[in-house]
Amino acid sequence: MMNFSASSIIAGLLFGFFGMLLFKEGKKRTSVELYFVALAMMIYPYFITDAILVWVIGIALTAAAIQMLKKG
C-alpha cells in the first residue's frame, strides 16, 4: 500500500515542476544527460515513499542538473 506524507507530496510536486522545466531546456540544448536527469526528477517521486529520501534524491538530482547547466 502506498503511504505518502504531505512532505513527500510537496517535494514530488516541486521537483516534478523543476524536472519539467529542465526537460524543456534539455530538449532545447539537445543535452541527453540533462534530458534524462529531468525525466528522473519527474518520475522518481512516484516510486519513493520515504519523505527524507524523496528530498535527498531531489536535491542530488537538482545539484547534478545545475552542474550540467553550468557546463553547457
N, C-alpha and C. Protein backbone atom coordinates (compact mmCIF):
# COMPACT_ATOMS: atom_id res chain seq x y z
N MET A 1 0.85 -1.18 0.00
CA MET A 1 0.00 0.00 0.00
C MET A 1 0.89 1.24 0.00
N MET A 2 0.55 2.19 -0.83
CA MET A 2 1.30 3.45 -0.89
C MET A 2 0.98 4.29 0.33
N ASN A 3 2.01 4.86 0.92
CA ASN A 3 1.83 5.67 2.11
C ASN A 3 2.63 6.96 1.95
N PHE A 4 2.04 7.95 1.31
CA PHE A 4 2.72 9.21 1.05
C PHE A 4 2.42 10.20 2.15
N SER A 5 3.42 10.96 2.56
CA SER A 5 3.22 12.03 3.54
C SER A 5 3.05 13.34 2.79
N ALA A 6 2.61 14.35 3.49
CA ALA A 6 2.45 15.68 2.87
C ALA A 6 3.78 16.20 2.38
N SER A 7 4.84 15.94 3.14
CA SER A 7 6.17 16.39 2.74
C SER A 7 6.63 15.76 1.44
N SER A 8 6.40 14.47 1.28
CA SER A 8 6.82 13.80 0.05
C SER A 8 5.97 14.24 -1.14
N ILE A 9 4.71 14.56 -0.90
CA ILE A 9 3.86 15.06 -2.00
C ILE A 9 4.33 16.44 -2.44
N ILE A 10 4.64 17.31 -1.49
CA ILE A 10 5.14 18.65 -1.83
C ILE A 10 6.47 18.56 -2.56
N ALA A 11 7.36 17.69 -2.07
CA ALA A 11 8.66 17.51 -2.73
C ALA A 11 8.46 16.97 -4.14
N GLY A 12 7.55 16.03 -4.31
CA GLY A 12 7.28 15.49 -5.64
C GLY A 12 6.78 16.54 -6.60
N LEU A 13 5.89 17.39 -6.13
CA LEU A 13 5.38 18.47 -6.98
C LEU A 13 6.49 19.47 -7.33
N LEU A 14 7.28 19.83 -6.34
CA LEU A 14 8.36 20.80 -6.55
C LEU A 14 9.41 20.26 -7.52
N PHE A 15 9.92 19.07 -7.26
CA PHE A 15 10.95 18.51 -8.13
C PHE A 15 10.38 18.11 -9.48
N GLY A 16 9.12 17.73 -9.53
CA GLY A 16 8.48 17.44 -10.81
C GLY A 16 8.36 18.67 -11.68
N PHE A 17 8.05 19.82 -11.05
CA PHE A 17 7.97 21.07 -11.80
C PHE A 17 9.34 21.47 -12.33
N PHE A 18 10.37 21.39 -11.47
CA PHE A 18 11.73 21.70 -11.92
C PHE A 18 12.18 20.72 -13.00
N GLY A 19 11.79 19.46 -12.86
CA GLY A 19 12.11 18.47 -13.88
C GLY A 19 11.48 18.81 -15.22
N MET A 20 10.25 19.30 -15.19
CA MET A 20 9.58 19.69 -16.42
C MET A 20 10.32 20.84 -17.11
N LEU A 21 10.74 21.83 -16.32
CA LEU A 21 11.49 22.95 -16.88
C LEU A 21 12.84 22.50 -17.44
N LEU A 22 13.51 21.61 -16.71
CA LEU A 22 14.79 21.10 -17.18
C LEU A 22 14.62 20.21 -18.41
N PHE A 23 13.51 19.51 -18.49
CA PHE A 23 13.22 18.69 -19.66
C PHE A 23 13.15 19.56 -20.91
N LYS A 24 12.45 20.67 -20.80
CA LYS A 24 12.35 21.59 -21.94
C LYS A 24 13.72 22.17 -22.29
N GLU A 25 14.50 22.50 -21.27
CA GLU A 25 15.84 23.05 -21.51
C GLU A 25 16.76 22.00 -22.13
N GLY A 26 16.65 20.76 -21.68
CA GLY A 26 17.44 19.68 -22.25
C GLY A 26 17.12 19.43 -23.71
N LYS A 27 15.85 19.53 -24.06
CA LYS A 27 15.46 19.37 -25.47
C LYS A 27 15.98 20.54 -26.29
N LYS A 28 15.93 21.74 -25.72
CA LYS A 28 16.38 22.93 -26.45
C LYS A 28 17.89 22.87 -26.69
N ARG A 29 18.63 22.42 -25.69
CA ARG A 29 20.09 22.34 -25.81
C ARG A 29 20.55 21.02 -26.44
N THR A 30 19.64 20.12 -26.70
CA THR A 30 19.93 18.77 -27.16
C THR A 30 20.95 18.07 -26.27
N SER A 31 20.76 18.22 -24.97
CA SER A 31 21.61 17.58 -23.97
C SER A 31 20.92 16.32 -23.45
N VAL A 32 21.46 15.17 -23.84
CA VAL A 32 20.86 13.90 -23.45
C VAL A 32 20.95 13.71 -21.94
N GLU A 33 22.08 14.10 -21.33
CA GLU A 33 22.25 13.93 -19.89
C GLU A 33 21.22 14.74 -19.12
N LEU A 34 21.06 16.00 -19.49
CA LEU A 34 20.09 16.86 -18.82
C LEU A 34 18.67 16.35 -19.04
N TYR A 35 18.42 15.85 -20.21
CA TYR A 35 17.13 15.28 -20.56
C TYR A 35 16.78 14.12 -19.62
N PHE A 36 17.73 13.21 -19.38
CA PHE A 36 17.46 12.05 -18.53
C PHE A 36 17.40 12.42 -17.04
N VAL A 37 18.18 13.39 -16.61
CA VAL A 37 18.08 13.86 -15.23
C VAL A 37 16.70 14.47 -15.00
N ALA A 38 16.23 15.24 -15.97
CA ALA A 38 14.90 15.84 -15.86
C ALA A 38 13.82 14.76 -15.80
N LEU A 39 13.94 13.73 -16.62
CA LEU A 39 12.98 12.63 -16.57
C LEU A 39 13.00 11.95 -15.21
N ALA A 40 14.19 11.74 -14.67
CA ALA A 40 14.31 11.12 -13.36
C ALA A 40 13.64 11.99 -12.29
N MET A 41 13.81 13.32 -12.38
CA MET A 41 13.19 14.22 -11.41
C MET A 41 11.68 14.16 -11.46
N MET A 42 11.13 13.93 -12.63
CA MET A 42 9.68 13.88 -12.76
C MET A 42 9.11 12.53 -12.34
N ILE A 43 9.89 11.47 -12.45
CA ILE A 43 9.36 10.12 -12.24
C ILE A 43 9.63 9.56 -10.85
N TYR A 44 10.81 9.82 -10.28
CA TYR A 44 11.19 9.12 -9.05
C TYR A 44 10.23 9.33 -7.87
N PRO A 45 9.56 10.47 -7.70
CA PRO A 45 8.68 10.60 -6.52
C PRO A 45 7.52 9.61 -6.49
N TYR A 46 7.19 9.03 -7.64
CA TYR A 46 6.11 8.05 -7.68
C TYR A 46 6.52 6.72 -7.05
N PHE A 47 7.81 6.46 -6.98
CA PHE A 47 8.30 5.17 -6.51
C PHE A 47 8.91 5.21 -5.11
N ILE A 48 9.22 6.39 -4.60
CA ILE A 48 9.84 6.55 -3.28
C ILE A 48 8.78 7.14 -2.34
N THR A 49 8.53 6.47 -1.21
CA THR A 49 7.51 6.97 -0.29
C THR A 49 8.09 7.62 0.95
N ASP A 50 9.38 7.37 1.24
CA ASP A 50 10.01 7.98 2.41
C ASP A 50 10.29 9.45 2.12
N ALA A 51 9.77 10.34 2.95
CA ALA A 51 9.85 11.78 2.70
C ALA A 51 11.30 12.28 2.67
N ILE A 52 12.11 11.81 3.59
CA ILE A 52 13.51 12.26 3.64
C ILE A 52 14.25 11.80 2.39
N LEU A 53 14.01 10.59 1.97
CA LEU A 53 14.67 10.06 0.78
C LEU A 53 14.23 10.81 -0.47
N VAL A 54 12.97 11.20 -0.54
CA VAL A 54 12.49 11.98 -1.68
C VAL A 54 13.24 13.31 -1.75
N TRP A 55 13.41 13.97 -0.61
CA TRP A 55 14.12 15.25 -0.59
C TRP A 55 15.59 15.07 -0.93
N VAL A 56 16.23 14.04 -0.39
CA VAL A 56 17.66 13.82 -0.64
C VAL A 56 17.92 13.53 -2.12
N ILE A 57 17.13 12.66 -2.70
CA ILE A 57 17.29 12.34 -4.13
C ILE A 57 17.00 13.57 -4.99
N GLY A 58 15.96 14.31 -4.65
CA GLY A 58 15.62 15.52 -5.41
C GLY A 58 16.71 16.56 -5.36
N ILE A 59 17.29 16.76 -4.19
CA ILE A 59 18.38 17.74 -4.07
C ILE A 59 19.60 17.28 -4.85
N ALA A 60 19.90 15.98 -4.80
CA ALA A 60 21.04 15.45 -5.54
C ALA A 60 20.84 15.60 -7.05
N LEU A 61 19.65 15.29 -7.53
CA LEU A 61 19.37 15.44 -8.96
C LEU A 61 19.39 16.91 -9.38
N THR A 62 18.91 17.79 -8.51
CA THR A 62 18.95 19.21 -8.81
C THR A 62 20.39 19.71 -8.88
N ALA A 63 21.23 19.27 -7.96
CA ALA A 63 22.65 19.65 -7.99
C ALA A 63 23.32 19.15 -9.26
N ALA A 64 23.00 17.92 -9.67
CA ALA A 64 23.56 17.39 -10.91
C ALA A 64 23.10 18.20 -12.11
N ALA A 65 21.84 18.60 -12.12
CA ALA A 65 21.31 19.39 -13.24
C ALA A 65 21.96 20.77 -13.28
N ILE A 66 22.19 21.37 -12.13
CA ILE A 66 22.84 22.69 -12.07
C ILE A 66 24.25 22.60 -12.63
N GLN A 67 24.97 21.54 -12.27
CA GLN A 67 26.32 21.34 -12.82
C GLN A 67 26.30 21.18 -14.33
N MET A 68 25.30 20.48 -14.85
CA MET A 68 25.18 20.30 -16.29
C MET A 68 24.85 21.62 -16.98
N LEU A 69 24.01 22.43 -16.35
CA LEU A 69 23.66 23.72 -16.93
C LEU A 69 24.87 24.65 -16.95
N LYS A 70 25.69 24.61 -15.90
CA LYS A 70 26.88 25.45 -15.85
C LYS A 70 27.91 25.02 -16.89
N LYS A 71 28.01 23.72 -17.09
CA LYS A 71 28.99 23.17 -18.01
C LYS A 71 28.64 23.48 -19.47
N GLY A 72 27.36 23.45 -19.76
CA GLY A 72 26.93 23.60 -21.16
C GLY A 72 26.50 24.95 -21.43
